[in-house]
All heavy atoms as atom14 arrays in JSON, in Angstrom:
{
  "sequence": "SASTHTAATQTQTPLVVNARWGGHPTFDRIVIDLQGY",
  "atom14_mask": [
    [1, 1, 1, 1, 1, 1, 0, 0, 0, 0, 0, 0, 0, 0],
    [1, 1, 1, 1, 1, 0, 0, 0, 0, 0, 0, 0, 0, 0],
    [1, 1, 1, 1, 1, 1, 0, 0, 0, 0, 0, 0, 0, 0],
    [1, 1, 1, 1, 1, 1, 1, 0, 0, 0, 0, 0, 0, 0],
    [1, 1, 1, 1, 1, 1, 1, 1, 1, 1, 0, 0, 0, 0],
    [1, 1, 1, 1, 1, 1, 1, 0, 0, 0, 0, 0, 0, 0],
    [1, 1, 1, 1, 1, 0, 0, 0, 0, 0, 0, 0, 0, 0],
    [1, 1, 1, 1, 1, 0, 0, 0, 0, 0, 0, 0, 0, 0],
    [1, 1, 1, 1, 1, 1, 1, 0, 0, 0, 0, 0, 0, 0],
    [1, 1, 1, 1, 1, 1, 1, 1, 1, 0, 0, 0, 0, 0],
    [1, 1, 1, 1, 1, 1, 1, 0, 0, 0, 0, 0, 0, 0],
    [1, 1, 1, 1, 1, 1, 1, 1, 1, 0, 0, 0, 0, 0],
    [1, 1, 1, 1, 1, 1, 1, 0, 0, 0, 0, 0, 0, 0],
    [1, 1, 1, 1, 1, 1, 1, 0, 0, 0, 0, 0, 0, 0],
    [1, 1, 1, 1, 1, 1, 1, 1, 0, 0, 0, 0, 0, 0],
    [1, 1, 1, 1, 1, 1, 1, 0, 0, 0, 0, 0, 0, 0],
    [1, 1, 1, 1, 1, 1, 1, 0, 0, 0, 0, 0, 0, 0],
    [1, 1, 1, 1, 1, 1, 1, 1, 0, 0, 0, 0, 0, 0],
    [1, 1, 1, 1, 1, 0, 0, 0, 0, 0, 0, 0, 0, 0],
    [1, 1, 1, 1, 1, 1, 1, 1, 1, 1, 1, 0, 0, 0],
    [1, 1, 1, 1, 1, 1, 1, 1, 1, 1, 1, 1, 1, 1],
    [1, 1, 1, 1, 0, 0, 0, 0, 0, 0, 0, 0, 0, 0],
    [1, 1, 1, 1, 0, 0, 0, 0, 0, 0, 0, 0, 0, 0],
    [1, 1, 1, 1, 1, 1, 1, 1, 1, 1, 0, 0, 0, 0],
    [1, 1, 1, 1, 1, 1, 1, 0, 0, 0, 0, 0, 0, 0],
    [1, 1, 1, 1, 1, 1, 1, 0, 0, 0, 0, 0, 0, 0],
    [1, 1, 1, 1, 1, 1, 1, 1, 1, 1, 1, 0, 0, 0],
    [1, 1, 1, 1, 1, 1, 1, 1, 0, 0, 0, 0, 0, 0],
    [1, 1, 1, 1, 1, 1, 1, 1, 1, 1, 1, 0, 0, 0],
    [1, 1, 1, 1, 1, 1, 1, 1, 0, 0, 0, 0, 0, 0],
    [1, 1, 1, 1, 1, 1, 1, 0, 0, 0, 0, 0, 0, 0],
    [1, 1, 1, 1, 1, 1, 1, 1, 0, 0, 0, 0, 0, 0],
    [1, 1, 1, 1, 1, 1, 1, 1, 0, 0, 0, 0, 0, 0],
    [1, 1, 1, 1, 1, 1, 1, 1, 0, 0, 0, 0, 0, 0],
    [1, 1, 1, 1, 1, 1, 1, 1, 1, 0, 0, 0, 0, 0],
    [1, 1, 1, 1, 0, 0, 0, 0, 0, 0, 0, 0, 0, 0],
    [1, 1, 1, 1, 1, 1, 1, 1, 1, 1, 1, 1, 0, 0]
  ],
  "atom14_positions": [
    [[23.54, -12.91, 0.22], [22.43, -12.41, 1.06], [21.75, -11.17, 0.51], [20.6, -11.01, 0.58], [22.91, -12.19, 2.44], [23.84, -11.17, 2.51], [0.0, 0.0, 0.0], [0.0, 0.0, 0.0], [0.0, 0.0, 0.0], [0.0, 0.0, 0.0], [0.0, 0.0, 0.0], [0.0, 0.0, 0.0], [0.0, 0.0, 0.0], [0.0, 0.0, 0.0]],
    [[22.57, -10.29, -0.14], [21.98, -9.04, -0.71], [21.01, -9.36, -1.81], [19.9, -8.84, -1.87], [23.06, -8.14, -1.16], [0.0, 0.0, 0.0], [0.0, 0.0, 0.0], [0.0, 0.0, 0.0], [0.0, 0.0, 0.0], [0.0, 0.0, 0.0], [0.0, 0.0, 0.0], [0.0, 0.0, 0.0], [0.0, 0.0, 0.0], [0.0, 0.0, 0.0]],
    [[21.37, -10.27, -2.76], [20.46, -10.58, -3.85], [19.26, -11.33, -3.38], [18.13, -11.14, -3.88], [21.23, -11.34, -4.93], [21.71, -12.55, -4.43], [0.0, 0.0, 0.0], [0.0, 0.0, 0.0], [0.0, 0.0, 0.0], [0.0, 0.0, 0.0], [0.0, 0.0, 0.0], [0.0, 0.0, 0.0], [0.0, 0.0, 0.0], [0.0, 0.0, 0.0]],
    [[19.4, -12.21, -2.41], [18.27, -13.0, -1.86], [17.31, -12.06, -1.16], [16.08, -12.22, -1.35], [18.77, -14.09, -0.87], [19.7, -14.9, -1.57], [17.64, -14.91, -0.41], [0.0, 0.0, 0.0], [0.0, 0.0, 0.0], [0.0, 0.0, 0.0], [0.0, 0.0, 0.0], [0.0, 0.0, 0.0], [0.0, 0.0, 0.0], [0.0, 0.0, 0.0]],
    [[17.77, -11.15, -0.37], [16.97, -10.22, 0.35], [16.12, -9.37, -0.63], [14.96, -9.17, -0.41], [17.76, -9.32, 1.22], [16.97, -8.27, 1.97], [16.07, -8.61, 2.97], [16.89, -6.94, 1.8], [15.49, -7.49, 3.34], [15.96, -6.48, 2.72], [0.0, 0.0, 0.0], [0.0, 0.0, 0.0], [0.0, 0.0, 0.0], [0.0, 0.0, 0.0]],
    [[16.76, -8.87, -1.65], [16.07, -8.06, -2.66], [14.92, -8.83, -3.3], [13.84, -8.38, -3.5], [17.05, -7.54, -3.72], [18.06, -6.8, -3.05], [16.34, -6.61, -4.72], [0.0, 0.0, 0.0], [0.0, 0.0, 0.0], [0.0, 0.0, 0.0], [0.0, 0.0, 0.0], [0.0, 0.0, 0.0], [0.0, 0.0, 0.0], [0.0, 0.0, 0.0]],
    [[15.25, -10.1, -3.71], [14.17, -10.9, -4.29], [13.06, -11.18, -3.37], [11.86, -11.12, -3.81], [14.79, -12.22, -4.8], [0.0, 0.0, 0.0], [0.0, 0.0, 0.0], [0.0, 0.0, 0.0], [0.0, 0.0, 0.0], [0.0, 0.0, 0.0], [0.0, 0.0, 0.0], [0.0, 0.0, 0.0], [0.0, 0.0, 0.0], [0.0, 0.0, 0.0]],
    [[13.31, -11.42, -2.08], [12.28, -11.73, -1.14], [11.39, -10.47, -0.89], [10.24, -10.52, -0.75], [12.88, -12.17, 0.17], [0.0, 0.0, 0.0], [0.0, 0.0, 0.0], [0.0, 0.0, 0.0], [0.0, 0.0, 0.0], [0.0, 0.0, 0.0], [0.0, 0.0, 0.0], [0.0, 0.0, 0.0], [0.0, 0.0, 0.0], [0.0, 0.0, 0.0]],
    [[12.06, -9.27, -0.82], [11.3, -8.03, -0.64], [10.34, -7.76, -1.76], [9.24, -7.37, -1.58], [12.29, -6.86, -0.45], [13.19, -7.13, 0.61], [11.59, -5.58, -0.19], [0.0, 0.0, 0.0], [0.0, 0.0, 0.0], [0.0, 0.0, 0.0], [0.0, 0.0, 0.0], [0.0, 0.0, 0.0], [0.0, 0.0, 0.0], [0.0, 0.0, 0.0]],
    [[10.78, -7.97, -2.99], [9.97, -7.73, -4.13], [8.78, -8.66, -4.31], [7.8, -8.33, -4.88], [10.76, -7.7, -5.46], [11.75, -6.56, -5.47], [12.7, -6.6, -6.67], [12.82, -7.65, -7.3], [13.37, -5.51, -6.94], [0.0, 0.0, 0.0], [0.0, 0.0, 0.0], [0.0, 0.0, 0.0], [0.0, 0.0, 0.0], [0.0, 0.0, 0.0]],
    [[8.95, -9.89, -3.77], [7.87, -10.92, -3.96], [6.93, -10.97, -2.74], [5.97, -11.69, -2.8], [8.47, -12.26, -4.21], [9.28, -12.66, -3.15], [9.3, -12.3, -5.55], [0.0, 0.0, 0.0], [0.0, 0.0, 0.0], [0.0, 0.0, 0.0], [0.0, 0.0, 0.0], [0.0, 0.0, 0.0], [0.0, 0.0, 0.0], [0.0, 0.0, 0.0]],
    [[7.25, -10.24, -1.66], [6.34, -10.32, -0.53], [4.98, -9.64, -0.9], [4.98, -8.6, -1.47], [7.0, -9.59, 0.66], [6.18, -9.73, 1.96], [6.92, -9.16, 3.15], [7.96, -8.53, 2.96], [6.35, -9.3, 4.3], [0.0, 0.0, 0.0], [0.0, 0.0, 0.0], [0.0, 0.0, 0.0], [0.0, 0.0, 0.0], [0.0, 0.0, 0.0]],
    [[3.93, -10.28, -0.48], [2.58, -9.84, -0.79], [2.33, -8.48, 0.0], [2.49, -8.46, 1.2], [1.57, -10.84, -0.41], [1.82, -12.03, -1.15], [0.12, -10.35, -0.77], [0.0, 0.0, 0.0], [0.0, 0.0, 0.0], [0.0, 0.0, 0.0], [0.0, 0.0, 0.0], [0.0, 0.0, 0.0], [0.0, 0.0, 0.0], [0.0, 0.0, 0.0]],
    [[1.87, -7.48, -0.71], [1.54, -6.23, -0.02], [0.3, -6.42, 0.99], [-0.57, -7.24, 0.62], [1.16, -5.26, -1.09], [1.29, -5.95, -2.34], [1.72, -7.34, -2.17], [0.0, 0.0, 0.0], [0.0, 0.0, 0.0], [0.0, 0.0, 0.0], [0.0, 0.0, 0.0], [0.0, 0.0, 0.0], [0.0, 0.0, 0.0], [0.0, 0.0, 0.0]],
    [[0.29, -5.75, 2.07], [-0.77, -5.88, 3.05], [-1.7, -4.65, 2.98], [-1.19, -3.48, 2.99], [-0.25, -6.04, 4.47], [0.65, -7.29, 4.69], [1.21, -7.26, 6.08], [-0.14, -8.59, 4.44], [0.0, 0.0, 0.0], [0.0, 0.0, 0.0], [0.0, 0.0, 0.0], [0.0, 0.0, 0.0], [0.0, 0.0, 0.0], [0.0, 0.0, 0.0]],
    [[-2.95, -4.91, 2.98], [-3.96, -3.82, 3.01], [-4.29, -3.59, 4.47], [-4.8, -4.49, 5.13], [-5.26, -4.19, 2.26], [-6.27, -3.13, 2.33], [-4.9, -4.44, 0.73], [0.0, 0.0, 0.0], [0.0, 0.0, 0.0], [0.0, 0.0, 0.0], [0.0, 0.0, 0.0], [0.0, 0.0, 0.0], [0.0, 0.0, 0.0], [0.0, 0.0, 0.0]],
    [[-4.0, -2.42, 4.99], [-4.11, -2.18, 6.44], [-5.25, -1.21, 6.79], [-5.67, -1.22, 7.98], [-2.77, -1.68, 7.0], [-1.67, -2.73, 6.91], [-2.33, -0.39, 6.36], [0.0, 0.0, 0.0], [0.0, 0.0, 0.0], [0.0, 0.0, 0.0], [0.0, 0.0, 0.0], [0.0, 0.0, 0.0], [0.0, 0.0, 0.0], [0.0, 0.0, 0.0]],
    [[-5.75, -0.43, 5.85], [-6.84, 0.49, 6.15], [-7.5, 1.01, 4.93], [-6.95, 0.96, 3.8], [-6.27, 1.69, 6.95], [-7.34, 2.52, 7.62], [-8.43, 2.06, 7.88], [-6.97, 3.74, 7.94], [0.0, 0.0, 0.0], [0.0, 0.0, 0.0], [0.0, 0.0, 0.0], [0.0, 0.0, 0.0], [0.0, 0.0, 0.0], [0.0, 0.0, 0.0]],
    [[-8.72, 1.44, 5.06], [-9.47, 2.18, 4.01], [-10.17, 3.33, 4.66], [-10.69, 3.23, 5.77], [-10.49, 1.25, 3.35], [0.0, 0.0, 0.0], [0.0, 0.0, 0.0], [0.0, 0.0, 0.0], [0.0, 0.0, 0.0], [0.0, 0.0, 0.0], [0.0, 0.0, 0.0], [0.0, 0.0, 0.0], [0.0, 0.0, 0.0], [0.0, 0.0, 0.0]],
    [[-10.08, 4.49, 4.06], [-10.67, 5.73, 4.63], [-11.26, 6.54, 3.48], [-11.05, 6.23, 2.31], [-9.66, 6.44, 5.49], [-8.36, 6.71, 4.75], [-7.23, 7.0, 5.74], [-5.93, 7.0, 5.08], [-5.35, 8.06, 4.52], [-5.91, 9.26, 4.56], [-4.22, 7.93, 3.92], [0.0, 0.0, 0.0], [0.0, 0.0, 0.0], [0.0, 0.0, 0.0]],
    [[-11.98, 7.6, 3.82], [-12.59, 8.4, 2.84], [-12.68, 9.84, 3.37], [-12.59, 10.05, 4.57], [-14.01, 7.88, 2.42], [-14.83, 7.68, 3.67], [-15.6, 8.57, 4.3], [-14.86, 6.47, 4.46], [-16.17, 7.97, 5.42], [-15.75, 6.68, 5.46], [-14.28, 5.24, 4.27], [-16.07, 5.75, 6.43], [-14.61, 4.29, 5.26], [-15.46, 4.53, 6.27]],
    [[-12.98, 10.77, 2.48], [-13.17, 12.14, 2.9], [-13.86, 12.93, 1.84], [-13.77, 12.57, 0.67], [0.0, 0.0, 0.0], [0.0, 0.0, 0.0], [0.0, 0.0, 0.0], [0.0, 0.0, 0.0], [0.0, 0.0, 0.0], [0.0, 0.0, 0.0], [0.0, 0.0, 0.0], [0.0, 0.0, 0.0], [0.0, 0.0, 0.0], [0.0, 0.0, 0.0]],
    [[-14.58, 13.94, 2.28], [-15.27, 14.88, 1.39], [-14.47, 16.09, 1.13], [-13.94, 16.67, 2.05], [0.0, 0.0, 0.0], [0.0, 0.0, 0.0], [0.0, 0.0, 0.0], [0.0, 0.0, 0.0], [0.0, 0.0, 0.0], [0.0, 0.0, 0.0], [0.0, 0.0, 0.0], [0.0, 0.0, 0.0], [0.0, 0.0, 0.0], [0.0, 0.0, 0.0]],
    [[-14.43, 16.56, -0.12], [-13.7, 17.79, -0.51], [-14.72, 18.64, -1.29], [-15.76, 18.16, -1.71], [-12.49, 17.41, -1.29], [-11.5, 16.6, -0.56], [-10.52, 17.12, 0.22], [-11.34, 15.27, -0.44], [-9.79, 16.18, 0.79], [-10.28, 15.0, 0.41], [0.0, 0.0, 0.0], [0.0, 0.0, 0.0], [0.0, 0.0, 0.0], [0.0, 0.0, 0.0]],
    [[-14.39, 19.92, -1.49], [-15.35, 20.83, -2.16], [-15.83, 20.29, -3.56], [-17.02, 20.51, -3.92], [-14.6, 22.11, -2.32], [-13.62, 22.13, -1.19], [-13.24, 20.68, -1.04], [0.0, 0.0, 0.0], [0.0, 0.0, 0.0], [0.0, 0.0, 0.0], [0.0, 0.0, 0.0], [0.0, 0.0, 0.0], [0.0, 0.0, 0.0], [0.0, 0.0, 0.0]],
    [[-14.97, 19.66, -4.35], [-15.34, 19.24, -5.68], [-15.28, 17.73, -5.92], [-15.59, 17.26, -6.99], [-14.44, 19.95, -6.73], [-13.09, 19.63, -6.48], [-14.62, 21.44, -6.73], [0.0, 0.0, 0.0], [0.0, 0.0, 0.0], [0.0, 0.0, 0.0], [0.0, 0.0, 0.0], [0.0, 0.0, 0.0], [0.0, 0.0, 0.0], [0.0, 0.0, 0.0]],
    [[-14.91, 16.97, -4.93], [-14.82, 15.48, -5.04], [-14.83, 14.85, -3.7], [-14.59, 15.44, -2.66], [-13.56, 15.13, -5.81], [-12.24, 15.47, -5.11], [-11.63, 14.58, -4.29], [-11.7, 16.76, -5.24], [-10.47, 14.88, -3.62], [-10.52, 17.09, -4.59], [-9.89, 16.16, -3.77], [0.0, 0.0, 0.0], [0.0, 0.0, 0.0], [0.0, 0.0, 0.0]],
    [[-15.23, 13.53, -3.71], [-15.12, 12.66, -2.6], [-13.91, 11.77, -2.87], [-13.61, 11.45, -3.99], [-16.32, 11.79, -2.36], [-17.53, 12.61, -1.97], [-17.41, 13.78, -1.55], [-18.64, 12.07, -2.08], [0.0, 0.0, 0.0], [0.0, 0.0, 0.0], [0.0, 0.0, 0.0], [0.0, 0.0, 0.0], [0.0, 0.0, 0.0], [0.0, 0.0, 0.0]],
    [[-13.2, 11.35, -1.78], [-11.95, 10.52, -1.97], [-12.02, 9.3, -1.14], [-12.41, 9.29, 0.01], [-10.75, 11.38, -1.59], [-9.45, 10.54, -1.63], [-8.27, 11.42, -1.39], [-8.07, 12.15, -2.63], [-7.13, 13.1, -2.78], [-6.36, 13.48, -1.81], [-6.98, 13.7, -3.98], [0.0, 0.0, 0.0], [0.0, 0.0, 0.0], [0.0, 0.0, 0.0]],
    [[-11.6, 8.17, -1.79], [-11.38, 6.88, -1.1], [-9.88, 6.63, -1.08], [-9.22, 6.81, -2.09], [-12.1, 5.74, -1.88], [-13.62, 5.96, -1.85], [-11.75, 4.4, -1.24], [-14.32, 5.01, -2.77], [0.0, 0.0, 0.0], [0.0, 0.0, 0.0], [0.0, 0.0, 0.0], [0.0, 0.0, 0.0], [0.0, 0.0, 0.0], [0.0, 0.0, 0.0]],
    [[-9.35, 6.26, 0.05], [-7.86, 5.97, 0.16], [-7.76, 4.56, 0.76], [-8.35, 4.25, 1.79], [-7.14, 6.96, 1.04], [-5.69, 6.62, 1.13], [-7.34, 8.4, 0.51], [0.0, 0.0, 0.0], [0.0, 0.0, 0.0], [0.0, 0.0, 0.0], [0.0, 0.0, 0.0], [0.0, 0.0, 0.0], [0.0, 0.0, 0.0], [0.0, 0.0, 0.0]],
    [[-6.96, 3.72, 0.11], [-6.64, 2.4, 0.62], [-5.16, 2.38, 1.02], [-4.33, 2.59, 0.12], [-6.97, 1.29, -0.39], [-8.49, 1.31, -0.66], [-6.55, -0.09, 0.17], [-8.88, 0.44, -1.85], [0.0, 0.0, 0.0], [0.0, 0.0, 0.0], [0.0, 0.0, 0.0], [0.0, 0.0, 0.0], [0.0, 0.0, 0.0], [0.0, 0.0, 0.0]],
    [[-4.88, 2.21, 2.31], [-3.49, 2.25, 2.78], [-2.82, 0.82, 2.76], [-3.51, -0.15, 3.08], [-3.43, 2.77, 4.23], [-3.95, 4.17, 4.34], [-3.5, 5.03, 3.56], [-4.78, 4.41, 5.27], [0.0, 0.0, 0.0], [0.0, 0.0, 0.0], [0.0, 0.0, 0.0], [0.0, 0.0, 0.0], [0.0, 0.0, 0.0], [0.0, 0.0, 0.0]],
    [[-1.6, 0.8, 2.3], [-0.89, -0.47, 2.15], [0.49, -0.52, 2.86], [1.08, 0.58, 2.99], [-0.66, -0.71, 0.66], [-1.91, -0.85, -0.16], [-1.9, 0.0, -1.35], [-2.1, -2.3, -0.52], [0.0, 0.0, 0.0], [0.0, 0.0, 0.0], [0.0, 0.0, 0.0], [0.0, 0.0, 0.0], [0.0, 0.0, 0.0], [0.0, 0.0, 0.0]],
    [[0.88, -1.68, 3.23], [2.27, -1.88, 3.64], [2.94, -2.69, 2.56], [2.4, -3.67, 2.08], [2.36, -2.71, 4.95], [1.98, -1.88, 6.19], [2.11, -2.78, 7.47], [2.42, -4.0, 7.4], [1.88, -2.11, 8.6], [0.0, 0.0, 0.0], [0.0, 0.0, 0.0], [0.0, 0.0, 0.0], [0.0, 0.0, 0.0], [0.0, 0.0, 0.0]],
    [[4.11, -2.21, 2.13], [4.76, -2.86, 1.02], [4.61, -1.97, -0.23], [4.67, -0.74, -0.08], [0.0, 0.0, 0.0], [0.0, 0.0, 0.0], [0.0, 0.0, 0.0], [0.0, 0.0, 0.0], [0.0, 0.0, 0.0], [0.0, 0.0, 0.0], [0.0, 0.0, 0.0], [0.0, 0.0, 0.0], [0.0, 0.0, 0.0], [0.0, 0.0, 0.0]],
    [[4.35, -2.54, -1.34], [4.13, -1.75, -2.56], [2.7, -1.75, -3.01], [1.89, -2.49, -2.44], [5.0, -2.38, -3.74], [4.66, -3.76, -4.09], [3.77, -4.03, -5.12], [5.22, -4.86, -3.38], [3.46, -5.34, -5.48], [4.94, -6.11, -3.8], [4.07, -6.42, -4.77], [3.75, -7.66, -5.13], [0.0, 0.0, 0.0], [0.0, 0.0, 0.0]]
  ]
}
């Protein structure tokens, strides 16, 4: 079960859950939040 669980965890598709942005003094930033890797 340990080796099967590890393989399943590594192959599960990451989920995109949010996108956000912000302004900073010298740059603007885009951040995409994920569940998984």
